[in-house]
Amino acid sequence: MNSKTKQYTWKSRLHEIIYEADTPAGKLFDIILLILIVASIILVMLESVASINTTYEVFFDKAEWVITILFTIEYFARIISIKKPSEYIFSFYGIIDFLSTIPKYLAVFFVGTHALVALRALRLLRVFRILKLARFIGESNQLMKALKASKAKISVFLFAVLIISIILGTVMYIVEGGQDSGFTSIPRSVYWAIVTLTTVGYGDIAPVTALGQFIAAIIMILGYAIIAIPTGIVSSEYASQKSIDTNTQSCQNCGADNHRDKAYFCDECGHKLH
């Protein structure tokens, strides 16, 4: 076996472990990665508690360095194992991986970068990639398909809600504008309409006239119906999904995934799959 073949073999094996989850090694890698992500998020949360951070500051610092180094190794391993590194580096997850890893290194060279600790919380988004574990890939793909299929209906619904909010806000401005109730302008009244329609109810603005309170009561009742609509749209699309794709194969050439079951070649570039 020549050196080129050996290089292809270990890179292919590394790619299969990191990017796929149909093998025992791939599943183990994803489980370990999930544990590291959860541990990292717990550290970020505990560091924000002053009393705990003061007591365990040294431990938190060392633990974060260990986790950061492991994530760094994983980041470069993903780059090495794919034939077109730019496809990963500039992908959504590639950018998330970079942003969630870099804060600890910046803290070494720059003072006052503690605020970047929030970027470490982005590691939690990596959980969605780990959902490609065989037992979850079908459900996650089905949910994504339902959301994509519903985006046109949901967009129309949100546009309709925006129009309703503007109309109701304008009406409330006309009704309550002359009173000392906070409806000082149409934009502020539209803000109130959105808050009331979504049943949030901050209470910073409230109608004082009988007519305004009557309209507010109608908006509150209407809000419950409006909240249920997008849930029904997505649920309907989700129920209509018949096939569940459990394929976790990822193309080593271009990084594309979500291939058809039993596919031998990549749907994007035609490269042969494992």
C-alpha atoms as a PDB file:
ATOM      1  CA  MET A   1       0.000   0.000   0.000  1.00  0.00           C
ATOM      2  CA  ASN A   2       1.573   3.297  -1.090  1.00  0.00           C
ATOM      3  CA  SER A   3       1.655   6.453   1.040  1.00  0.00           C
ATOM      4  CA  LYS A   4      -1.183   8.091  -0.916  1.00  0.00           C
ATOM      5  CA  THR A   5      -3.464   5.129  -0.296  1.00  0.00           C
ATOM      6  CA  LYS A   6      -2.558   5.076   3.404  1.00  0.00           C
ATOM      7  CA  GLN A   7      -3.297   8.806   3.677  1.00  0.00           C
ATOM      8  CA  TYR A   8      -6.663   8.303   2.004  1.00  0.00           C
ATOM      9  CA  THR A   9      -7.460   5.420   4.337  1.00  0.00           C
ATOM     10  CA  TRP A  10      -6.809   7.220   7.635  1.00  0.00           C
ATOM     11  CA  LYS A  11      -8.480  10.421   6.432  1.00  0.00           C
ATOM     12  CA  SER A  12     -11.530   8.475   5.317  1.00  0.00           C
ATOM     13  CA  ARG A  13     -11.649   6.685   8.646  1.00  0.00           C
ATOM     14  CA  LEU A  14     -11.313   9.981  10.538  1.00  0.00           C
ATOM     15  CA  HIS A  15     -14.054  11.545   8.411  1.00  0.00           C
ATOM     16  CA  GLU A  16     -16.355   8.600   9.049  1.00  0.00           C
ATOM     17  CA  ILE A  17     -15.876   8.860  12.824  1.00  0.00           C
ATOM     18  CA  ILE A  18     -16.299  12.649  13.038  1.00  0.00           C
ATOM     19  CA  TYR A  19     -19.015  13.342  10.479  1.00  0.00           C
ATOM     20  CA  GLU A  20     -21.110  10.178  10.583  1.00  0.00           C
ATOM     21  CA  ALA A  21     -22.923   8.231  13.291  1.00  0.00           C
ATOM     22  CA  ASP A  22     -23.736   4.847  11.773  1.00  0.00           C
ATOM     23  CA  THR A  23     -20.662   3.170  13.238  1.00  0.00           C
ATOM     24  CA  PRO A  24     -19.854   2.374  16.900  1.00  0.00           C
ATOM     25  CA  ALA A  25     -16.848   4.727  16.727  1.00  0.00           C
ATOM     26  CA  GLY A  26     -18.983   7.513  15.260  1.00  0.00           C
ATOM     27  CA  LYS A  27     -21.649   7.097  17.946  1.00  0.00           C
ATOM     28  CA  LEU A  28     -19.010   7.069  20.700  1.00  0.00           C
ATOM     29  CA  PHE A  29     -17.441  10.252  19.285  1.00  0.00           C
ATOM     30  CA  ASP A  30     -20.797  12.052  19.258  1.00  0.00           C
ATOM     31  CA  ILE A  31     -21.602  10.939  22.798  1.00  0.00           C
ATOM     32  CA  ILE A  32     -18.214  12.172  24.087  1.00  0.00           C
ATOM     33  CA  LEU A  33     -18.720  15.447  22.203  1.00  0.00           C
ATOM     34  CA  LEU A  34     -22.174  15.834  23.741  1.00  0.00           C
ATOM     35  CA  ILE A  35     -20.737  15.331  27.244  1.00  0.00           C
ATOM     36  CA  LEU A  36     -18.060  17.973  26.578  1.00  0.00           C
ATOM     37  CA  ILE A  37     -20.646  20.449  25.288  1.00  0.00           C
ATOM     38  CA  VAL A  38     -22.883  19.975  28.330  1.00  0.00           C
ATOM     39  CA  ALA A  39     -19.881  20.260  30.673  1.00  0.00           C
ATOM     40  CA  SER A  40     -18.773  23.461  28.923  1.00  0.00           C
ATOM     41  CA  ILE A  41     -22.219  25.059  29.201  1.00  0.00           C
ATOM     42  CA  ILE A  42     -22.413  24.154  32.900  1.00  0.00           C
ATOM     43  CA  LEU A  43     -19.005  25.818  33.441  1.00  0.00           C
ATOM     44  CA  VAL A  44     -20.156  28.970  31.650  1.00  0.00           C
ATOM     45  CA  MET A  45     -23.272  29.128  33.826  1.00  0.00           C
ATOM     46  CA  LEU A  46     -21.428  28.502  37.102  1.00  0.00           C
ATOM     47  CA  GLU A  47     -18.755  31.099  36.260  1.00  0.00           C
ATOM     48  CA  SER A  48     -21.463  33.747  36.103  1.00  0.00           C
ATOM     49  CA  VAL A  49     -22.307  33.121  39.777  1.00  0.00           C
ATOM     50  CA  ALA A  50     -19.870  35.365  41.680  1.00  0.00           C
ATOM     51  CA  SER A  51     -19.787  33.325  44.905  1.00  0.00           C
ATOM     52  CA  ILE A  52     -19.123  30.037  43.100  1.00  0.00           C
ATOM     53  CA  ASN A  53     -16.608  31.534  40.675  1.00  0.00           C
ATOM     54  CA  THR A  54     -14.585  33.045  43.539  1.00  0.00           C
ATOM     55  CA  THR A  55     -14.254  29.656  45.234  1.00  0.00           C
ATOM     56  CA  TYR A  56     -13.559  27.519  42.188  1.00  0.00           C
ATOM     57  CA  GLU A  57     -11.977  30.041  39.803  1.00  0.00           C
ATOM     58  CA  VAL A  58      -8.756  28.040  39.320  1.00  0.00           C
ATOM     59  CA  PHE A  59     -10.646  24.810  38.689  1.00  0.00           C
ATOM     60  CA  PHE A  60     -12.984  26.511  36.195  1.00  0.00           C
ATOM     61  CA  ASP A  61     -10.013  28.003  34.333  1.00  0.00           C
ATOM     62  CA  LYS A  62      -8.191  24.677  34.033  1.00  0.00           C
ATOM     63  CA  ALA A  63     -11.333  22.788  33.062  1.00  0.00           C
ATOM     64  CA  GLU A  64     -12.156  25.351  30.381  1.00  0.00           C
ATOM     65  CA  TRP A  65      -8.632  25.099  28.974  1.00  0.00           C
ATOM     66  CA  VAL A  66      -8.959  21.310  28.725  1.00  0.00           C
ATOM     67  CA  ILE A  67     -12.332  21.565  26.993  1.00  0.00           C
ATOM     68  CA  THR A  68     -11.122  24.345  24.673  1.00  0.00           C
ATOM     69  CA  ILE A  69      -8.055  22.320  23.624  1.00  0.00           C
ATOM     70  CA  LEU A  70     -10.219  19.261  22.928  1.00  0.00           C
ATOM     71  CA  PHE A  71     -12.611  21.358  20.828  1.00  0.00           C
ATOM     72  CA  THR A  72      -9.622  22.860  19.010  1.00  0.00           C
ATOM     73  CA  ILE A  73      -8.307  19.396  18.154  1.00  0.00           C
ATOM     74  CA  GLU A  74     -11.770  18.440  16.921  1.00  0.00           C
ATOM     75  CA  TYR A  75     -11.995  21.641  14.826  1.00  0.00           C
ATOM     76  CA  PHE A  76      -8.717  20.930  13.016  1.00  0.00           C
ATOM     77  CA  ALA A  77      -9.580  17.240  12.672  1.00  0.00           C
ATOM     78  CA  ARG A  78     -12.765  18.245  10.822  1.00  0.00           C
ATOM     79  CA  ILE A  79     -10.709  20.461   8.500  1.00  0.00           C
ATOM     80  CA  ILE A  80      -8.112  17.758   7.825  1.00  0.00           C
ATOM     81  CA  SER A  81     -10.601  14.968   7.173  1.00  0.00           C
ATOM     82  CA  ILE A  82     -12.511  16.771   4.412  1.00  0.00           C
ATOM     83  CA  LYS A  83     -11.125  17.319   0.903  1.00  0.00           C
ATOM     84  CA  LYS A  84     -12.532  20.835   0.618  1.00  0.00           C
ATOM     85  CA  PRO A  85     -11.800  22.460   4.014  1.00  0.00           C
ATOM     86  CA  SER A  86     -13.474  25.731   3.024  1.00  0.00           C
ATOM     87  CA  GLU A  87     -16.811  23.910   2.786  1.00  0.00           C
ATOM     88  CA  TYR A  88     -16.615  23.244   6.526  1.00  0.00           C
ATOM     89  CA  ILE A  89     -14.775  26.396   7.652  1.00  0.00           C
ATOM     90  CA  PHE A  90     -17.363  28.746   6.114  1.00  0.00           C
ATOM     91  CA  SER A  91     -20.376  26.561   6.864  1.00  0.00           C
ATOM     92  CA  PHE A  92     -22.819  27.424   9.654  1.00  0.00           C
ATOM     93  CA  TYR A  93     -21.423  24.846  12.054  1.00  0.00           C
ATOM     94  CA  GLY A  94     -17.849  25.675  11.065  1.00  0.00           C
ATOM     95  CA  ILE A  95     -18.344  29.318  12.027  1.00  0.00           C
ATOM     96  CA  ILE A  96     -20.084  28.299  15.266  1.00  0.00           C
ATOM     97  CA  ASP A  97     -17.187  25.965  16.126  1.00  0.00           C
ATOM     98  CA  PHE A  98     -14.655  28.745  15.530  1.00  0.00           C
ATOM     99  CA  LEU A  99     -16.531  31.437  17.469  1.00  0.00           C
ATOM    100  CA  SER A 100     -17.131  29.136  20.435  1.00  0.00           C
ATOM    101  CA  THR A 101     -13.450  28.123  20.626  1.00  0.00           C
ATOM    102  CA  ILE A 102     -11.601  31.405  20.073  1.00  0.00           C
ATOM    103  CA  PRO A 103     -12.653  33.362  23.249  1.00  0.00           C
ATOM    104  CA  LYS A 104     -10.322  31.440  25.563  1.00  0.00           C
ATOM    105  CA  TYR A 105      -7.318  32.116  23.327  1.00  0.00           C
ATOM    106  CA  LEU A 106      -8.198  35.801  22.985  1.00  0.00           C
ATOM    107  CA  ALA A 107      -8.262  36.090  26.784  1.00  0.00           C
ATOM    108  CA  VAL A 108      -4.537  35.245  26.823  1.00  0.00           C
ATOM    109  CA  PHE A 109      -3.532  38.128  24.562  1.00  0.00           C
ATOM    110  CA  PHE A 110      -6.161  40.754  25.329  1.00  0.00           C
ATOM    111  CA  VAL A 111      -7.449  42.155  28.612  1.00  0.00           C
ATOM    112  CA  GLY A 112     -11.170  42.668  29.136  1.00  0.00           C
ATOM    113  CA  THR A 113     -12.329  39.878  26.838  1.00  0.00           C
ATOM    114  CA  HIS A 114     -14.359  38.204  29.600  1.00  0.00           C
ATOM    115  CA  ALA A 115     -17.493  39.511  27.882  1.00  0.00           C
ATOM    116  CA  LEU A 116     -16.751  37.061  25.060  1.00  0.00           C
ATOM    117  CA  VAL A 117     -17.620  34.237  27.446  1.00  0.00           C
ATOM    118  CA  ALA A 118     -21.117  34.404  25.972  1.00  0.00           C
ATOM    119  CA  LEU A 119     -19.710  33.090  22.689  1.00  0.00           C
ATOM    120  CA  ARG A 120     -18.796  29.869  24.461  1.00  0.00           C
ATOM    121  CA  ALA A 121     -22.510  29.291  24.954  1.00  0.00           C
ATOM    122  CA  LEU A 122     -22.731  28.904  21.172  1.00  0.00           C
ATOM    123  CA  ARG A 123     -21.371  25.399  21.701  1.00  0.00           C
ATOM    124  CA  LEU A 124     -24.886  24.440  22.669  1.00  0.00           C
ATOM    125  CA  LEU A 125     -25.885  24.860  19.014  1.00  0.00           C
ATOM    126  CA  ARG A 126     -23.541  21.994  18.192  1.00  0.00           C
ATOM    127  CA  VAL A 127     -26.053  19.675  19.857  1.00  0.00           C
ATOM    128  CA  PHE A 128     -28.157  19.903  16.688  1.00  0.00           C
ATOM    129  CA  ARG A 129     -25.295  18.364  14.738  1.00  0.00           C
ATOM    130  CA  ILE A 130     -25.040  15.537  17.251  1.00  0.00           C
ATOM    131  CA  LEU A 131     -28.737  14.821  16.693  1.00  0.00           C
ATOM    132  CA  LYS A 132     -27.553  12.896  13.638  1.00  0.00           C
ATOM    133  CA  LEU A 133     -27.160   9.944  16.021  1.00  0.00           C
ATOM    134  CA  ALA A 134     -29.037   7.104  14.368  1.00  0.00           C
ATOM    135  CA  ARG A 135     -31.885   7.071  16.883  1.00  0.00           C
ATOM    136  CA  PHE A 136     -32.567  10.822  16.450  1.00  0.00           C
ATOM    137  CA  ILE A 137     -31.765  11.521  12.791  1.00  0.00           C
ATOM    138  CA  GLY A 138     -35.186  10.410  11.539  1.00  0.00           C
ATOM    139  CA  GLU A 139     -37.118  12.608  13.938  1.00  0.00           C
ATOM    140  CA  SER A 140     -34.873  15.661  13.448  1.00  0.00           C
ATOM    141  CA  ASN A 141     -34.965  15.379   9.651  1.00  0.00           C
ATOM    142  CA  GLN A 142     -38.731  14.964   9.711  1.00  0.00           C
ATOM    143  CA  LEU A 143     -39.127  18.072  11.863  1.00  0.00           C
ATOM    144  CA  MET A 144     -36.827  20.104   9.571  1.00  0.00           C
ATOM    145  CA  LYS A 145     -38.790  18.977   6.513  1.00  0.00           C
ATOM    146  CA  ALA A 146     -42.037  20.000   8.207  1.00  0.00           C
ATOM    147  CA  LEU A 147     -40.640  23.441   9.087  1.00  0.00           C
ATOM    148  CA  LYS A 148     -39.350  23.995   5.548  1.00  0.00           C
ATOM    149  CA  ALA A 149     -42.660  22.882   4.051  1.00  0.00           C
ATOM    150  CA  SER A 150     -44.522  25.271   6.377  1.00  0.00           C
ATOM    151  CA  LYS A 151     -42.344  28.354   5.849  1.00  0.00           C
ATOM    152  CA  ALA A 152     -44.597  29.886   3.153  1.00  0.00           C
ATOM    153  CA  LYS A 153     -47.749  29.476   5.258  1.00  0.00           C
ATOM    154  CA  ILE A 154     -46.020  30.731   8.406  1.00  0.00           C
ATOM    155  CA  SER A 155     -44.622  33.750   6.534  1.00  0.00           C
ATOM    156  CA  VAL A 156     -48.107  34.693   5.316  1.00  0.00           C
ATOM    157  CA  PHE A 157     -49.447  34.183   8.841  1.00  0.00           C
ATOM    158  CA  LEU A 158     -46.769  36.429  10.405  1.00  0.00           C
ATOM    159  CA  PHE A 159     -47.429  39.115   7.784  1.00  0.00           C
ATOM    160  CA  ALA A 160     -51.149  38.945   8.585  1.00  0.00           C
ATOM    161  CA  VAL A 161     -50.414  39.264  12.319  1.00  0.00           C
ATOM    162  CA  LEU A 162     -48.251  42.311  11.626  1.00  0.00           C
ATOM    163  CA  ILE A 163     -51.067  43.954   9.666  1.00  0.00           C
ATOM    164  CA  ILE A 164     -53.575  43.170  12.437  1.00  0.00           C
ATOM    165  CA  SER A 165     -51.201  44.613  15.034  1.00  0.00           C
ATOM    166  CA  ILE A 166     -50.809  47.853  13.072  1.00  0.00           C
ATOM    167  CA  ILE A 167     -54.576  48.211  12.649  1.00  0.00           C
ATOM    168  CA  LEU A 168     -55.332  47.441  16.298  1.00  0.00           C
ATOM    169  CA  GLY A 169     -52.529  49.727  17.456  1.00  0.00           C
ATOM    170  CA  THR A 170     -53.901  52.576  15.358  1.00  0.00           C
ATOM    171  CA  VAL A 171     -57.412  52.001  16.705  1.00  0.00           C
ATOM    172  CA  MET A 172     -56.127  52.031  20.301  1.00  0.00           C
ATOM    173  CA  TYR A 173     -54.201  55.243  19.618  1.00  0.00           C
ATOM    174  CA  ILE A 174     -57.417  56.875  18.427  1.00  0.00           C
ATOM    175  CA  VAL A 175     -59.368  55.584  21.433  1.00  0.00           C
ATOM    176  CA  GLU A 176     -56.739  56.138  24.148  1.00  0.00           C
ATOM    177  CA  GLY A 177     -54.598  58.874  22.609  1.00  0.00           C
ATOM    178  CA  GLY A 178     -56.170  61.701  24.583  1.00  0.00           C
ATOM    179  CA  GLN A 179     -55.872  59.896  27.910  1.00  0.00           C
ATOM    180  CA  ASP A 180     -52.917  59.560  30.266  1.00  0.00           C
ATOM    181  CA  SER A 181     -52.512  55.838  29.508  1.00  0.00           C
ATOM    182  CA  GLY A 182     -49.237  55.636  27.585  1.00  0.00           C
ATOM    183  CA  PHE A 183     -50.637  55.474  24.050  1.00  0.00           C
ATOM    184  CA  THR A 184     -48.622  58.520  22.986  1.00  0.00           C
ATOM    185  CA  SER A 185     -47.993  57.492  19.375  1.00  0.00           C
ATOM    186  CA  ILE A 186     -49.029  54.901  16.811  1.00  0.00           C
ATOM    187  CA  PRO A 187     -45.692  52.956  16.980  1.00  0.00           C
ATOM    188  CA  ARG A 188     -46.017  52.754  20.775  1.00  0.00           C
ATOM    189  CA  SER A 189     -49.632  51.629  20.400  1.00  0.00           C
ATOM    190  CA  VAL A 190     -48.590  48.980  17.859  1.00  0.00           C
ATOM    191  CA  TYR A 191     -45.988  47.789  20.371  1.00  0.00           C
ATOM    192  CA  TRP A 192     -48.774  47.417  22.951  1.00  0.00           C
ATOM    193  CA  ALA A 193     -50.926  45.525  20.440  1.00  0.00           C
ATOM    194  CA  ILE A 194     -48.111  43.054  19.718  1.00  0.00           C
ATOM    195  CA  VAL A 195     -47.408  42.529  23.434  1.00  0.00           C
ATOM    196  CA  THR A 196     -51.102  41.969  24.148  1.00  0.00           C
ATOM    197  CA  LEU A 197     -51.724  39.828  21.078  1.00  0.00           C
ATOM    198  CA  THR A 198     -48.893  37.476  22.033  1.00  0.00           C
ATOM    199  CA  THR A 199     -50.304  37.285  25.605  1.00  0.00           C
ATOM    200  CA  VAL A 200     -47.004  38.578  27.056  1.00  0.00           C
ATOM    201  CA  GLY A 201     -48.577  41.524  28.852  1.00  0.00           C
ATOM    202  CA  TYR A 202     -45.752  43.626  30.303  1.00  0.00           C
ATOM    203  CA  GLY A 203     -48.225  46.060  31.844  1.00  0.00           C
ATOM    204  CA  ASP A 204     -46.162  49.156  31.016  1.00  0.00           C
ATOM    205  CA  ILE A 205     -49.064  50.469  28.907  1.00  0.00           C
ATOM    206  CA  ALA A 206     -52.729  49.857  29.747  1.00  0.00           C
ATOM    207  CA  PRO A 207     -56.013  51.290  28.483  1.00  0.00           C
ATOM    208  CA  VAL A 208     -58.068  53.372  30.935  1.00  0.00           C
ATOM    209  CA  THR A 209     -61.290  53.971  28.998  1.00  0.00           C
ATOM    210  CA  ALA A 210     -64.132  51.462  28.910  1.00  0.00           C
ATOM    211  CA  LEU A 211     -63.961  51.159  25.121  1.00  0.00           C
ATOM    212  CA  GLY A 212     -60.188  50.671  25.202  1.00  0.00           C
ATOM    213  CA  GLN A 213     -60.469  47.963  27.835  1.00  0.00           C
ATOM    214  CA  PHE A 214     -63.181  46.222  25.788  1.00  0.00           C
ATOM    215  CA  ILE A 215     -60.953  46.225  22.703  1.00  0.00           C
ATOM    216  CA  ALA A 216     -58.029  44.986  24.816  1.00  0.00           C
ATOM    217  CA  ALA A 217     -60.140  42.064  26.092  1.00  0.00           C
ATOM    218  CA  ILE A 218     -60.971  41.070  22.498  1.00  0.00           C
ATOM    219  CA  ILE A 219     -57.284  41.262  21.538  1.00  0.00           C
ATOM    220  CA  MET A 220     -56.348  39.045  24.493  1.00  0.00           C
ATOM    221  CA  ILE A 221     -58.859  36.365  23.485  1.00  0.00           C
ATOM    222  CA  LEU A 222     -57.735  36.672  19.857  1.00  0.00           C
ATOM    223  CA  GLY A 223     -54.153  36.142  21.003  1.00  0.00           C
ATOM    224  CA  TYR A 224     -54.834  32.582  22.163  1.00  0.00           C
ATOM    225  CA  ALA A 225     -56.201  31.645  18.759  1.00  0.00           C
ATOM    226  CA  ILE A 226     -53.291  33.269  16.921  1.00  0.00           C
ATOM    227  CA  ILE A 227     -50.674  31.406  18.977  1.00  0.00           C
ATOM    228  CA  ALA A 228     -52.265  28.065  18.087  1.00  0.00           C
ATOM    229  CA  ILE A 229     -52.215  28.639  14.316  1.00  0.00           C
ATOM    230  CA  PRO A 230     -48.462  28.168  13.575  1.00  0.00           C
ATOM    231  CA  THR A 231     -48.436  25.115  15.847  1.00  0.00           C
ATOM    232  CA  GLY A 232     -51.269  23.616  13.809  1.00  0.00           C
ATOM    233  CA  ILE A 233     -49.522  24.399  10.524  1.00  0.00           C
ATOM    234  CA  VAL A 234     -46.287  22.681  11.528  1.00  0.00           C
ATOM    235  CA  SER A 235     -48.129  19.763  13.170  1.00  0.00           C
ATOM    236  CA  SER A 236     -50.125  19.169   9.999  1.00  0.00           C
ATOM    237  CA  GLU A 237     -46.984  19.124   7.860  1.00  0.00           C
ATOM    238  CA  TYR A 238     -45.188  16.920  10.385  1.00  0.00           C
ATOM    239  CA  ALA A 239     -48.032  14.400  10.353  1.00  0.00           C
ATOM    240  CA  SER A 240     -48.005  14.310   6.544  1.00  0.00           C
ATOM    241  CA  GLN A 241     -44.336  13.273   6.429  1.00  0.00           C
ATOM    242  CA  LYS A 242     -44.332   9.631   5.445  1.00  0.00           C
ATOM    243  CA  SER A 243     -40.702   8.681   5.033  1.00  0.00           C
ATOM    244  CA  ILE A 244     -38.029   9.034   7.706  1.00  0.00           C
ATOM    245  CA  ASP A 245     -34.457   9.351   6.504  1.00  0.00           C
ATOM    246  CA  THR A 246     -32.029   7.622   8.876  1.00  0.00           C
ATOM    247  CA  ASN A 247     -28.943   8.105   6.721  1.00  0.00           C
ATOM    248  CA  THR A 248     -26.050   9.867   8.488  1.00  0.00           C
ATOM    249  CA  GLN A 249     -23.556   9.640   5.636  1.00  0.00           C
ATOM    250  CA  SER A 250     -21.529  12.784   4.993  1.00  0.00           C
ATOM    251  CA  CYS A 251     -19.586  13.458   1.790  1.00  0.00           C
ATOM    252  CA  GLN A 252     -15.837  13.612   2.396  1.00  0.00           C
ATOM    253  CA  ASN A 253     -15.393  15.786  -0.685  1.00  0.00           C
ATOM    254  CA  CYS A 254     -17.925  18.603  -0.170  1.00  0.00           C
ATOM    255  CA  GLY A 255     -19.296  17.952   3.322  1.00  0.00           C
ATOM    256  CA  ALA A 256     -22.919  17.549   2.212  1.00  0.00           C
ATOM    257  CA  ASP A 257     -25.153  15.308   4.329  1.00  0.00           C
ATOM    258  CA  ASN A 258     -28.810  14.198   4.527  1.00  0.00           C
ATOM    259  CA  HIS A 259     -28.346  11.808   1.616  1.00  0.00           C
ATOM    260  CA  ARG A 260     -30.970   9.295   0.564  1.00  0.00           C
ATOM    261  CA  ASP A 261     -30.973   5.911   2.237  1.00  0.00           C
ATOM    262  CA  LYS A 262     -28.585   3.424   0.606  1.00  0.00           C
ATOM    263  CA  ALA A 263     -27.076   6.190  -1.545  1.00  0.00           C
ATOM    264  CA  TYR A 264     -23.680   5.346  -3.046  1.00  0.00           C
ATOM    265  CA  PHE A 265     -22.826   8.794  -4.387  1.00  0.00           C
ATOM    266  CA  CYS A 266     -23.173  12.326  -3.040  1.00  0.00           C
ATOM    267  CA  ASP A 267     -26.297  14.181  -4.222  1.00  0.00           C
ATOM    268  CA  GLU A 268     -24.313  17.435  -4.443  1.00  0.00           C
ATOM    269  CA  CYS A 269     -20.954  16.618  -6.067  1.00  0.00           C
ATOM    270  CA  GLY A 270     -21.256  12.970  -7.123  1.00  0.00           C
ATOM    271  CA  HIS A 271     -18.337  11.820  -4.949  1.00  0.00           C
ATOM    272  CA  LYS A 272     -18.519   8.205  -3.807  1.00  0.00           C
ATOM    273  CA  LEU A 273     -19.810   7.784  -0.245  1.00  0.00           C
ATOM    274  CA  HIS A 274     -18.583   5.286   2.342  1.00  0.00           C
END
